[in-house]
C-alpha atoms as a PDB file:
ATOM      1  CA  MET A   1      -0.158  -0.030  -0.093  1.00  0.00           C
ATOM      2  CA  ASN A   2       1.359   3.315  -1.125  1.00  0.00           C
ATOM      3  CA  ALA A   3       1.726   6.189   1.765  1.00  0.00           C
ATOM      4  CA  ALA A   4       0.213   9.583   0.743  1.00  0.00           C
ATOM      5  CA  PRO A   5       2.756  11.808  -0.049  1.00  0.00           C
ATOM      6  CA  GLN A   6       4.148  13.925   3.056  1.00  0.00           C
ATOM      7  CA  PRO A   7       3.593  17.476   3.079  1.00  0.00           C
ATOM      8  CA  VAL A   8       6.833  19.594   3.104  1.00  0.00           C
ATOM      9  CA  SER A   9       7.377  23.194   3.600  1.00  0.00           C
ATOM     10  CA  PRO A  10       6.612  25.034   0.346  1.00  0.00           C
ATOM     11  CA  GLY A  11       9.525  26.629  -1.875  1.00  0.00           C
ATOM     12  CA  VAL A  12       6.919  28.867  -3.600  1.00  0.00           C
ATOM     13  CA  ALA A  13       4.687  31.622  -2.693  1.00  0.00           C
ATOM     14  CA  GLY A  14       2.177  33.464  -4.437  1.00  0.00           C
ATOM     15  CA  ARG A  15      -0.400  36.240  -4.521  1.00  0.00           C
ATOM     16  CA  GLY A  16      -3.122  37.734  -6.997  1.00  0.00           C
ATOM     17  CA  ARG A  17      -3.366  41.252  -7.988  1.00  0.00           C
ATOM     18  CA  SER A  18      -7.053  41.404  -8.663  1.00  0.00           C
ATOM     19  CA  GLU A  19      -9.610  41.206  -5.652  1.00  0.00           C
ATOM     20  CA  GLY A  20     -10.876  37.874  -5.086  1.00  0.00           C
ATOM     21  CA  ASP A  21      -8.055  35.979  -6.703  1.00  0.00           C
ATOM     22  CA  ARG A  22      -6.930  32.794  -4.610  1.00  0.00           C
ATOM     23  CA  VAL A  23      -3.422  31.091  -4.593  1.00  0.00           C
ATOM     24  CA  GLU A  24      -2.838  28.160  -2.773  1.00  0.00           C
ATOM     25  CA  VAL A  25       0.303  26.036  -2.629  1.00  0.00           C
ATOM     26  CA  VAL A  26       0.291  22.567  -2.154  1.00  0.00           C
ATOM     27  CA  ALA A  27       3.555  20.899  -1.618  1.00  0.00           C
ATOM     28  CA  ASP A  28       4.913  17.421  -0.952  1.00  0.00           C
ATOM     29  CA  ARG A  29       8.325  15.627  -1.741  1.00  0.00           C
ATOM     30  CA  GLU A  30       7.663  15.132  -5.441  1.00  0.00           C
ATOM     31  CA  ARG A  31       6.273  18.616  -6.495  1.00  0.00           C
ATOM     32  CA  GLN A  32       5.101  22.101  -5.742  1.00  0.00           C
ATOM     33  CA  ARG A  33       1.113  22.207  -6.700  1.00  0.00           C
ATOM     34  CA  ILE A  34       0.235  25.959  -7.162  1.00  0.00           C
ATOM     35  CA  ILE A  35      -3.876  26.462  -7.841  1.00  0.00           C
ATOM     36  CA  ILE A  36      -5.239  29.766  -8.980  1.00  0.00           C
ATOM     37  CA  GLN A  37      -8.503  31.003  -8.915  1.00  0.00           C
ATOM     38  CA  SER A  38      -9.545  34.016 -10.580  1.00  0.00           C
ATOM     39  CA  PRO A  39     -13.283  35.063 -10.279  1.00  0.00           C
ATOM     40  CA  ARG A  40     -12.901  37.864 -12.747  1.00  0.00           C
ATOM     41  CA  GLY A  41     -11.202  35.631 -15.299  1.00  0.00           C
ATOM     42  CA  ILE A  42      -8.470  38.315 -16.016  1.00  0.00           C
ATOM     43  CA  SER A  43      -5.616  39.131 -13.880  1.00  0.00           C
ATOM     44  CA  GLU A  44      -1.830  38.708 -13.030  1.00  0.00           C
ATOM     45  CA  VAL A  45      -0.525  36.428 -10.196  1.00  0.00           C
ATOM     46  CA  ILE A  46       3.187  36.574  -8.753  1.00  0.00           C
ATOM     47  CA  LEU A  47       4.657  33.685  -7.883  1.00  0.00           C
ATOM     48  CA  GLU A  48       8.038  33.901  -5.497  1.00  0.00           C
ATOM     49  CA  ARG A  49      10.298  31.411  -4.870  1.00  0.00           C
ATOM     50  CA  LEU A  50      11.263  31.298  -0.914  1.00  0.00           C
ATOM     51  CA  THR A  51      14.628  29.240  -1.054  1.00  0.00           C
ATOM     52  CA  GLY A  52      18.022  29.913  -3.058  1.00  0.00           C
ATOM     53  CA  THR A  53      16.515  28.284  -6.074  1.00  0.00           C
ATOM     54  CA  TRP A  54      13.228  27.140  -7.688  1.00  0.00           C
ATOM     55  CA  PRO A  55      11.715  23.642  -6.651  1.00  0.00           C
ATOM     56  CA  ALA A  56      12.650  20.873  -9.468  1.00  0.00           C
ATOM     57  CA  ALA A  57       9.015  20.250 -10.229  1.00  0.00           C
ATOM     58  CA  VAL A  58       6.192  23.149 -10.015  1.00  0.00           C
ATOM     59  CA  LEU A  59       2.965  22.108 -11.446  1.00  0.00           C
ATOM     60  CA  VAL A  60       0.420  25.378 -12.041  1.00  0.00           C
ATOM     61  CA  GLU A  61      -3.125  24.638 -12.128  1.00  0.00           C
ATOM     62  CA  LEU A  62      -5.291  27.680 -13.613  1.00  0.00           C
ATOM     63  CA  ARG A  63      -8.948  27.286 -12.851  1.00  0.00           C
ATOM     64  CA  LEU A  64     -10.460  29.083 -15.692  1.00  0.00           C
ATOM     65  CA  LYS A  65     -13.352  28.122 -18.539  1.00  0.00           C
ATOM     66  CA  GLY A  66     -10.910  29.288 -21.331  1.00  0.00           C
ATOM     67  CA  LEU A  67      -7.947  30.518 -21.843  1.00  0.00           C
ATOM     68  CA  GLU A  68      -7.612  33.090 -24.435  1.00  0.00           C
ATOM     69  CA  SER A  69      -4.313  34.427 -23.435  1.00  0.00           C
ATOM     70  CA  LEU A  70      -1.462  33.439 -21.077  1.00  0.00           C
ATOM     71  CA  THR A  71       1.970  34.742 -20.333  1.00  0.00           C
ATOM     72  CA  VAL A  72       4.755  33.095 -18.047  1.00  0.00           C
ATOM     73  CA  SER A  73       7.634  35.417 -17.765  1.00  0.00           C
ATOM     74  CA  GLY A  74      10.623  35.839 -15.226  1.00  0.00           C
ATOM     75  CA  GLY A  75      13.868  37.537 -15.759  1.00  0.00           C
ATOM     76  CA  GLU A  76      14.647  38.009 -19.401  1.00  0.00           C
ATOM     77  CA  TRP A  77      12.321  34.899 -20.091  1.00  0.00           C
ATOM     78  CA  THR A  78       8.564  35.440 -21.496  1.00  0.00           C
ATOM     79  CA  VAL A  79       6.756  32.706 -22.765  1.00  0.00           C
ATOM     80  CA  GLN A  80       3.202  32.755 -24.181  1.00  0.00           C
ATOM     81  CA  ALA A  81       0.237  30.149 -24.765  1.00  0.00           C
ATOM     82  CA  ALA A  82      -3.345  30.161 -26.173  1.00  0.00           C
ATOM     83  CA  VAL A  83      -6.227  27.746 -26.216  1.00  0.00           C
ATOM     84  CA  PRO A  84      -8.782  28.253 -29.258  1.00  0.00           C
ATOM     85  CA  ALA A  85     -12.445  28.879 -27.659  1.00  0.00           C
ATOM     86  CA  GLY A  86     -14.184  25.464 -27.271  1.00  0.00           C
ATOM     87  CA  ASN A  87     -10.885  24.190 -25.677  1.00  0.00           C
ATOM     88  CA  ASP A  88      -9.568  22.360 -28.499  1.00  0.00           C
ATOM     89  CA  ARG A  89      -6.833  20.286 -27.306  1.00  0.00           C
ATOM     90  CA  GLY A  90      -5.335  20.370 -30.817  1.00  0.00           C
ATOM     91  CA  GLY A  91      -5.406  24.005 -30.970  1.00  0.00           C
ATOM     92  CA  ILE A  92      -3.308  24.566 -27.979  1.00  0.00           C
ATOM     93  CA  ARG A  93      -0.336  26.983 -28.916  1.00  0.00           C
ATOM     94  CA  GLN A  94       2.825  28.367 -27.084  1.00  0.00           C
ATOM     95  CA  TRP A  95       5.449  30.646 -28.489  1.00  0.00           C
ATOM     96  CA  VAL A  96       8.129  32.807 -27.392  1.00  0.00           C
ATOM     97  CA  PRO A  97       7.326  36.785 -28.200  1.00  0.00           C
ATOM     98  CA  PRO A  98       6.984  38.650 -30.175  1.00  0.00           C
ATOM     99  CA  ASP A  99       6.908  35.742 -32.990  1.00  0.00           C
ATOM    100  CA  GLU A 100       3.698  33.925 -32.792  1.00  0.00           C
ATOM    101  CA  GLN A 101       4.701  31.906 -35.695  1.00  0.00           C
ATOM    102  CA  VAL A 102       7.691  30.287 -33.906  1.00  0.00           C
ATOM    103  CA  VAL A 103       5.753  27.471 -32.144  1.00  0.00           C
ATOM    104  CA  LEU A 104       7.649  26.037 -29.176  1.00  0.00           C
ATOM    105  CA  THR A 105       7.815  21.887 -28.976  1.00  0.00           C
ATOM    106  CA  ALA A 106       8.473  19.466 -26.262  1.00  0.00           C
ATOM    107  CA  ASN A 107      11.988  19.997 -26.389  1.00  0.00           C
ATOM    108  CA  ASP A 108      12.359  23.664 -25.869  1.00  0.00           C
ATOM    109  CA  PRO A 109      13.520  24.993 -22.471  1.00  0.00           C
ATOM    110  CA  LEU A 110      10.420  27.239 -22.462  1.00  0.00           C
ATOM    111  CA  TRP A 111       8.005  24.628 -23.094  1.00  0.00           C
ATOM    112  CA  LEU A 112       4.896  24.686 -20.583  1.00  0.00           C
ATOM    113  CA  ASP A 113       3.695  21.248 -21.473  1.00  0.00           C
ATOM    114  CA  LEU A 114      -0.026  23.001 -21.614  1.00  0.00           C
ATOM    115  CA  LYS A 115      -2.764  20.774 -20.866  1.00  0.00           C
ATOM    116  CA  LEU A 116      -6.568  20.777 -20.374  1.00  0.00           C
ATOM    117  CA  LEU A 117      -8.128  19.839 -16.900  1.00  0.00           C
ATOM    118  CA  PRO A 118     -11.463  17.855 -17.102  1.00  0.00           C
ATOM    119  CA  GLU A 119     -14.404  19.192 -15.000  1.00  0.00           C
ATOM    120  CA  GLN A 120     -14.298  17.219 -11.569  1.00  0.00           C
ATOM    121  CA  ASP A 121     -18.077  18.066 -10.762  1.00  0.00           C
ATOM    122  CA  ASN A 122     -21.156  20.541 -11.491  1.00  0.00           C
ATOM    123  CA  GLU A 123     -19.239  23.038  -9.203  1.00  0.00           C
ATOM    124  CA  THR A 124     -15.712  22.846 -10.598  1.00  0.00           C
ATOM    125  CA  VAL A 125     -14.606  24.643 -13.824  1.00  0.00           C
ATOM    126  CA  GLY A 126     -11.951  22.149 -15.387  1.00  0.00           C
ATOM    127  CA  GLY A 127      -9.477  24.730 -15.899  1.00  0.00           C
ATOM    128  CA  PHE A 128      -5.730  24.499 -17.489  1.00  0.00           C
ATOM    129  CA  GLU A 129      -2.372  23.037 -15.777  1.00  0.00           C
ATOM    130  CA  TRP A 130       1.235  23.456 -16.998  1.00  0.00           C
ATOM    131  CA  THR A 131       4.953  23.171 -15.300  1.00  0.00           C
ATOM    132  CA  ILE A 132       7.022  25.968 -15.134  1.00  0.00           C
ATOM    133  CA  PRO A 133       9.507  25.517 -17.782  1.00  0.00           C
ATOM    134  CA  TRP A 134      12.804  23.899 -16.973  1.00  0.00           C
ATOM    135  CA  GLY A 135      14.703  26.984 -19.022  1.00  0.00           C
ATOM    136  CA  LEU A 136      12.901  29.167 -16.390  1.00  0.00           C
ATOM    137  CA  ARG A 137      13.650  27.421 -13.444  1.00  0.00           C
ATOM    138  CA  GLN A 138      17.332  27.256 -14.526  1.00  0.00           C
ATOM    139  CA  ALA A 139      17.415  31.006 -15.053  1.00  0.00           C
ATOM    140  CA  ASN A 140      16.257  31.234 -11.363  1.00  0.00           C
ATOM    141  CA  PRO A 141      14.596  34.861 -11.126  1.00  0.00           C
ATOM    142  CA  ARG A 142      13.329  35.623  -7.678  1.00  0.00           C
ATOM    143  CA  GLN A 143       9.756  36.139  -9.470  1.00  0.00           C
ATOM    144  CA  ILE A 144       7.690  34.598 -12.103  1.00  0.00           C
ATOM    145  CA  ARG A 145       4.506  36.582 -13.192  1.00  0.00           C
ATOM    146  CA  VAL A 146       1.447  34.764 -14.936  1.00  0.00           C
ATOM    147  CA  ASN A 147      -0.840  36.592 -16.715  1.00  0.00           C
ATOM    148  CA  PHE A 148      -3.961  35.530 -17.917  1.00  0.00           C
ATOM    149  CA  ILE A 149      -7.388  36.054 -19.788  1.00  0.00           C
ATOM    150  CA  ASP A 150     -10.369  33.934 -19.908  1.00  0.00           C
ATOM    151  CA  PHE A 151     -12.470  34.004 -22.709  1.00  0.00           C
ATOM    152  CA  TYR A 152     -15.498  33.992 -20.567  1.00  0.00           C
ATOM    153  CA  ARG A 153     -14.682  36.343 -18.044  1.00  0.00           C
ATOM    154  CA  SER A 154     -17.038  38.099 -16.146  1.00  0.00           C
END
């Protein structure tokens, strides 16, 4: 029988810019999971490392209905992503600005590995999840900014 992951002190903290934004950090020995909820659907969340380096595995969950725009930046690095209206898995795009035509692949250091999250029940919006890219973690900025816009924002 596998034991449940043991909680550890989080290596990351987060705060939202808009009223009502919620940022929760759940840490265990395997990874840091950051859950972002924004009732407005358009905001910025600042993630800050609490140790000398970013944890090796940081998974971010963004609880939105749609993802018109996502920008993840830290230091000199920026990556952007979008998911078409209707959340078409095949239409997920990731790129390094300013050129949207240069699309990232899984081998790129800024690859987010962006995925759609299924709805869990009638009260929970599915959302999106991604990992903080290894190139961004390796650059080791003190803060990472996450800007997002939901197609279905209020």
